[in-house]
Amino acid sequence: MTVSVVFLLYLFMRFNIVFAASLLFSFTRCGVNPNDPLAKFPSDTQKINLSYSFLDSLPEAIGNYHDLRVLKLYRNRFQYIPESIGKLSKLEKFIASGNNLVALPKAIGKLDQLNELSVQFNNLTELPPEIGQLKKLELLRLNNNQLSTLPVEIGDLENLKYLYLGNNRLEKIPEEIGKLKNLRILNIGQNLLMELPESLGELESLTELHIVNSGSSLVIPESLCHLRSLEYVVVSSNMLVPQCWLSRKTGRFELIVK
C-alpha cells in the first residue's frame, strides 16, 4: 500500500471521528440526548411509532407530546408505562401489545379521547379501576395476559364495542358487564371461569360470543336466549348450552361446538 493511500485512509478515519464528536457535542449543547427514542419526533407530532425498538422503558417526556393521537409501542420490553401518559389528552389509539407489562398506570383513565386500547400479549394481572373512565373507548384488547379478575368499573365503558379477554386466568366475570349495551363482540375463551353472569343476557347489541375452553362444565345462562342480535357463538363440547340455542331456527344464528 502506497504512502498516499495510507495518508488518505488516515484522513478519512480522523474526519469521521471528529464529525461524530462534533455531532454529539451539538446534541448535548442543544439539550438533546442522542439515545432518547423520542428525540426524532417534533413536539407537535400526532403519531409516534416506537414498535420493534428493543426499548426497556418509555421516557417520562412522552407526556410532553400534547397533540399526540396515535402511540404504537408493540414488541418492546416495557414493564411499566409512565404516569405522564395521562397528559396525552388527545390520544385516540394506544397500542402496547407484545411487551412485558405487569400493570397499567392509573393515569390511563385520563385519556378521555381514547377509542382503542390494545395491550394483549403482556403479563398484566389486574386492571386499574380508572379504566372505567374511558368513556369513548370502543376497542379493548386484553387477551393473552395473566388477568385473574376484572374491576367492576369495566361496566362503565358505555361505548365499548369489542372486548377481547381470551387466554387469561379469569375465574369470574363481574355482573356489571351487562351494562355494556353497545358491545358487539365478546371473547372470554381460554380462561378458568366457574360460572357466567346472568347479566350477559343484557348485552342487547352482542353479535359474537366466544367462550370455548372458558371453564370445565360451564353452564351458559338461559338469559342469553333473549339476545336476538346474537349471530355467532363458539362453545366447548362439555358446556351446557341453553335449549333455545339448539332449537333456534334462523339463518343468522350459528352455534359452533369445539
Protein backbone atom coordinates (compact mmCIF):
# COMPACT_ATOMS: atom_id res chain seq x y z
CA MET A 1 0.00 0.00 0.00
CA THR A 2 1.50 3.36 -1.01
CA VAL A 3 2.11 6.21 1.41
CA SER A 4 -0.55 8.36 -0.29
CA VAL A 5 -3.25 5.70 0.20
CA VAL A 6 -2.34 5.27 3.86
CA PHE A 7 -2.46 9.02 4.32
CA LEU A 8 -5.89 9.24 2.70
CA LEU A 9 -7.25 6.47 4.96
CA TYR A 10 -5.84 8.30 7.96
CA LEU A 11 -7.61 11.50 6.96
CA PHE A 12 -10.88 9.65 6.33
CA MET A 13 -10.87 7.97 9.74
CA ARG A 14 -9.89 11.16 11.51
CA PHE A 15 -12.56 13.17 9.73
CA ASN A 16 -15.30 10.73 10.72
CA ILE A 17 -14.20 10.63 14.35
CA VAL A 18 -14.12 14.42 14.50
CA PHE A 19 -17.51 14.62 12.76
CA ALA A 20 -19.10 12.16 15.21
CA ALA A 21 -17.64 14.03 18.17
CA SER A 22 -18.90 17.32 16.75
CA LEU A 23 -22.38 15.90 16.23
CA LEU A 24 -22.52 14.52 19.75
CA PHE A 25 -21.38 17.90 21.13
CA SER A 26 -24.12 19.66 19.15
CA PHE A 27 -26.80 17.31 20.52
CA THR A 28 -25.59 17.83 24.08
CA ARG A 29 -25.36 21.59 23.69
CA CYS A 30 -28.95 21.73 22.45
CA GLY A 31 -30.16 19.61 25.36
CA VAL A 32 -30.94 16.62 23.13
CA ASN A 33 -29.96 13.13 24.22
CA PRO A 34 -28.97 11.19 21.08
CA ASN A 35 -30.05 7.99 22.87
CA ASP A 36 -33.54 9.33 23.60
CA PRO A 37 -36.03 7.39 21.43
CA LEU A 38 -38.30 10.44 21.36
CA ALA A 39 -35.61 12.84 20.12
CA LYS A 40 -36.55 12.36 16.46
CA PHE A 41 -40.19 13.37 16.96
CA PRO A 42 -41.18 17.06 16.87
CA SER A 43 -43.16 18.29 19.86
CA ASP A 44 -46.33 18.78 17.78
CA THR A 45 -46.33 15.32 16.19
CA GLN A 46 -49.63 13.44 16.13
CA LYS A 47 -48.22 9.94 15.74
CA ILE A 48 -45.34 8.14 17.44
CA ASN A 49 -44.34 4.60 16.47
CA LEU A 50 -41.61 3.01 18.60
CA SER A 51 -42.51 -0.57 17.76
CA TYR A 52 -39.70 -3.14 17.49
CA SER A 53 -37.23 -0.71 19.08
CA PHE A 54 -35.98 -3.08 21.83
CA LEU A 55 -36.69 -0.46 24.49
CA ASP A 56 -36.77 -1.29 28.21
CA SER A 57 -38.58 1.87 29.29
CA LEU A 58 -40.64 4.72 27.89
CA PRO A 59 -39.33 8.19 28.82
CA GLU A 60 -41.45 10.35 31.11
CA ALA A 61 -41.14 13.01 28.40
CA ILE A 62 -43.82 11.16 26.41
CA GLY A 63 -46.27 13.32 28.35
CA ASN A 64 -44.96 16.44 26.61
CA TYR A 65 -46.48 15.45 23.25
CA HIS A 66 -49.81 17.16 23.84
CA ASP A 67 -51.00 16.82 20.23
CA LEU A 68 -50.37 13.08 20.08
CA ARG A 69 -53.24 11.00 18.72
CA VAL A 70 -51.60 7.63 17.98
CA LEU A 71 -48.98 5.88 20.11
CA LYS A 72 -47.63 2.49 19.00
CA LEU A 73 -45.24 0.64 21.28
CA TYR A 74 -45.64 -3.04 20.42
CA ARG A 75 -42.80 -5.53 20.57
CA ASN A 76 -40.54 -3.81 23.10
CA ARG A 77 -39.60 -4.80 26.65
CA PHE A 78 -41.65 -2.37 28.70
CA GLN A 79 -42.79 -3.49 32.15
CA TYR A 80 -44.45 -0.21 33.04
CA ILE A 81 -45.92 2.82 31.29
CA PRO A 82 -45.11 6.15 32.99
CA GLU A 83 -47.91 8.07 34.70
CA SER A 84 -47.07 11.03 32.46
CA ILE A 85 -49.07 9.30 29.72
CA GLY A 86 -52.12 10.80 31.38
CA LYS A 87 -51.12 14.16 29.91
CA LEU A 88 -51.91 12.97 26.38
CA SER A 89 -55.41 14.40 26.39
CA LYS A 90 -55.86 13.99 22.62
CA LEU A 91 -54.68 10.38 22.37
CA GLU A 92 -57.12 8.20 20.41
CA LYS A 93 -55.17 4.98 19.82
CA PHE A 94 -52.73 3.34 22.22
CA ILE A 95 -51.07 0.05 21.24
CA ALA A 96 -48.58 -1.60 23.58
CA SER A 97 -49.05 -5.28 22.79
CA GLY A 98 -46.21 -7.79 22.92
CA ASN A 99 -44.30 -6.23 25.81
CA ASN A 100 -43.69 -7.32 29.43
CA LEU A 101 -46.25 -5.05 31.06
CA VAL A 102 -47.25 -6.14 34.57
CA ALA A 103 -49.55 -3.18 35.25
CA LEU A 104 -51.20 -0.18 33.64
CA PRO A 105 -50.85 3.27 35.21
CA LYS A 106 -53.82 4.82 37.00
CA ALA A 107 -53.35 7.81 34.70
CA ILE A 108 -54.71 5.68 31.85
CA GLY A 109 -58.14 6.90 32.98
CA LYS A 110 -57.28 10.45 31.97
CA LEU A 111 -57.16 9.57 28.27
CA ASP A 112 -60.75 10.62 27.70
CA GLN A 113 -60.44 10.68 23.89
CA LEU A 114 -59.12 7.11 23.65
CA ASN A 115 -61.13 4.79 21.40
CA GLU A 116 -58.63 1.90 21.09
CA LEU A 117 -56.52 0.29 23.81
CA SER A 118 -54.55 -2.78 22.76
CA VAL A 119 -52.34 -4.36 25.44
CA GLN A 120 -52.59 -8.03 24.55
CA PHE A 121 -49.66 -10.44 24.93
CA ASN A 122 -48.29 -8.92 28.14
CA ASN A 123 -48.13 -10.01 31.79
CA LEU A 124 -50.99 -7.97 33.24
CA THR A 125 -52.51 -9.48 36.39
CA GLU A 126 -55.08 -6.77 37.08
CA LEU A 127 -56.52 -3.55 35.69
CA PRO A 128 -56.78 -0.21 37.48
CA PRO A 129 -60.36 0.83 38.29
CA GLU A 130 -59.64 4.07 36.43
CA ILE A 131 -60.03 2.17 33.17
CA GLY A 132 -63.76 2.71 33.56
CA GLN A 133 -63.26 6.41 32.88
CA LEU A 134 -62.52 5.78 29.19
CA LYS A 135 -65.99 6.73 28.03
CA LYS A 136 -65.09 6.86 24.32
CA LEU A 137 -63.33 3.51 24.24
CA GLU A 138 -64.68 1.20 21.52
CA LEU A 139 -61.98 -1.48 21.25
CA LEU A 140 -60.25 -3.12 24.22
CA ARG A 141 -57.76 -5.94 23.63
CA LEU A 142 -56.65 -7.67 26.84
CA ASN A 143 -56.21 -11.21 25.56
CA ASN A 144 -53.11 -13.29 26.35
CA ASN A 145 -52.29 -11.80 29.74
CA GLN A 146 -52.44 -13.12 33.31
CA LEU A 147 -55.65 -11.41 34.42
CA SER A 148 -57.45 -13.21 37.27
CA THR A 149 -60.09 -10.55 37.95
CA LEU A 150 -61.73 -7.59 36.27
CA PRO A 151 -62.71 -4.36 38.04
CA VAL A 152 -66.44 -3.72 38.25
CA GLU A 153 -65.70 -0.41 36.50
CA ILE A 154 -65.40 -2.39 33.26
CA GLY A 155 -69.15 -1.89 33.03
CA ASP A 156 -68.70 1.88 32.77
CA LEU A 157 -67.24 1.65 29.26
CA GLU A 158 -70.51 2.73 27.73
CA ASN A 159 -69.29 2.92 24.13
CA LEU A 160 -67.29 -0.32 24.11
CA LYS A 161 -67.99 -2.47 21.04
CA TYR A 162 -65.21 -5.07 21.03
CA LEU A 163 -63.83 -6.76 24.16
CA TYR A 164 -61.15 -9.46 23.94
CA LEU A 165 -60.34 -11.29 27.18
CA GLY A 166 -59.27 -14.69 25.87
CA ASN A 167 -56.26 -16.58 27.21
CA ASN A 168 -56.17 -15.17 30.72
CA ARG A 169 -56.78 -16.67 34.17
CA LEU A 170 -60.21 -15.19 34.82
CA GLU A 171 -62.36 -17.09 37.31
CA LYS A 172 -65.28 -14.68 37.27
CA ILE A 173 -66.83 -12.04 35.04
CA PRO A 174 -68.46 -9.19 37.01
CA GLU A 175 -72.21 -8.72 36.68
CA GLU A 176 -71.51 -5.13 35.64
CA ILE A 177 -70.55 -6.39 32.20
CA GLY A 178 -74.25 -6.37 31.39
CA LYS A 179 -74.10 -2.57 31.28
CA LEU A 180 -72.15 -2.66 28.01
CA LYS A 181 -75.16 -2.01 25.81
CA ASN A 182 -73.08 -1.32 22.68
CA LEU A 183 -70.89 -4.42 22.95
CA ARG A 184 -70.88 -6.45 19.71
CA ILE A 185 -68.06 -8.97 20.16
CA LEU A 186 -67.07 -10.63 23.45
CA ASN A 187 -64.26 -13.17 23.64
CA ILE A 188 -63.73 -14.82 27.04
CA GLY A 189 -62.38 -18.14 25.77
CA GLN A 190 -59.38 -19.92 27.31
CA ASN A 191 -60.00 -18.89 30.92
CA LEU A 192 -60.77 -20.57 34.26
CA LEU A 193 -64.36 -19.44 34.72
CA MET A 194 -66.50 -21.16 37.32
CA GLU A 195 -69.71 -19.51 36.16
CA LEU A 196 -71.07 -16.89 33.79
CA PRO A 197 -73.10 -13.87 34.95
CA GLU A 198 -76.81 -13.73 34.16
CA SER A 199 -76.25 -10.14 33.04
CA LEU A 200 -74.76 -11.42 29.77
CA GLY A 201 -78.37 -11.57 28.67
CA GLU A 202 -78.49 -7.76 28.84
CA LEU A 203 -75.90 -7.26 26.09
CA GLU A 204 -78.53 -6.23 23.59
CA SER A 205 -76.08 -5.42 20.75
CA LEU A 206 -73.99 -8.61 21.04
CA THR A 207 -73.46 -10.44 17.74
CA GLU A 208 -70.48 -12.72 18.55
CA LEU A 209 -69.67 -14.65 21.72
CA HIS A 210 -66.56 -16.81 22.10
CA ILE A 211 -66.43 -18.95 25.25
CA VAL A 212 -64.62 -22.08 24.07
CA ASN A 213 -62.44 -23.61 26.83
CA SER A 214 -63.58 -20.96 29.29
CA GLY A 215 -64.03 -23.41 32.15
CA SER A 216 -64.88 -27.00 32.95
CA SER A 217 -68.57 -27.98 32.53
CA LEU A 218 -69.60 -24.35 32.33
CA VAL A 219 -73.34 -23.63 32.38
CA ILE A 220 -74.37 -20.94 29.92
CA PRO A 221 -77.17 -18.74 31.34
CA GLU A 222 -80.65 -19.04 29.87
CA SER A 223 -80.77 -15.24 29.87
CA LEU A 224 -78.76 -15.32 26.63
CA CYS A 225 -81.88 -16.61 24.89
CA HIS A 226 -83.16 -13.02 24.90
CA LEU A 227 -80.37 -11.79 22.64
CA ARG A 228 -81.96 -11.65 19.20
CA SER A 229 -78.88 -9.87 17.82
CA LEU A 230 -76.63 -12.87 18.57
CA GLU A 231 -75.42 -14.49 15.34
CA TYR A 232 -72.25 -16.45 16.09
CA VAL A 233 -71.35 -18.43 19.23
CA VAL A 234 -68.35 -20.70 19.86
CA VAL A 235 -68.54 -23.10 22.83
CA SER A 236 -66.83 -26.26 24.09
CA SER A 237 -68.47 -29.68 23.88
CA ASN A 238 -68.51 -30.05 27.67
CA MET A 239 -70.59 -26.90 28.22
CA LEU A 240 -74.28 -26.91 28.99
CA VAL A 241 -75.90 -24.63 26.42
CA PRO A 242 -79.43 -23.20 26.58
CA GLN A 243 -82.10 -25.26 24.83
CA CYS A 244 -83.15 -22.17 22.90
CA TRP A 245 -79.84 -22.22 21.02
CA LEU A 246 -80.33 -25.82 19.95
CA SER A 247 -83.83 -25.16 18.64
CA ARG A 248 -83.23 -21.72 17.21
CA LYS A 249 -84.23 -21.70 13.56
CA THR A 250 -82.77 -18.65 11.90
CA GLY A 251 -80.19 -18.32 9.16
CA ARG A 252 -78.41 -15.61 11.11
CA PHE A 253 -77.53 -17.80 14.10
CA GLU A 254 -74.63 -20.23 14.11
CA LEU A 255 -73.54 -22.36 17.08
CA ILE A 256 -70.04 -23.81 16.80
CA VAL A 257 -69.11 -26.63 19.20
CA LYS A 258 -65.41 -27.47 19.58
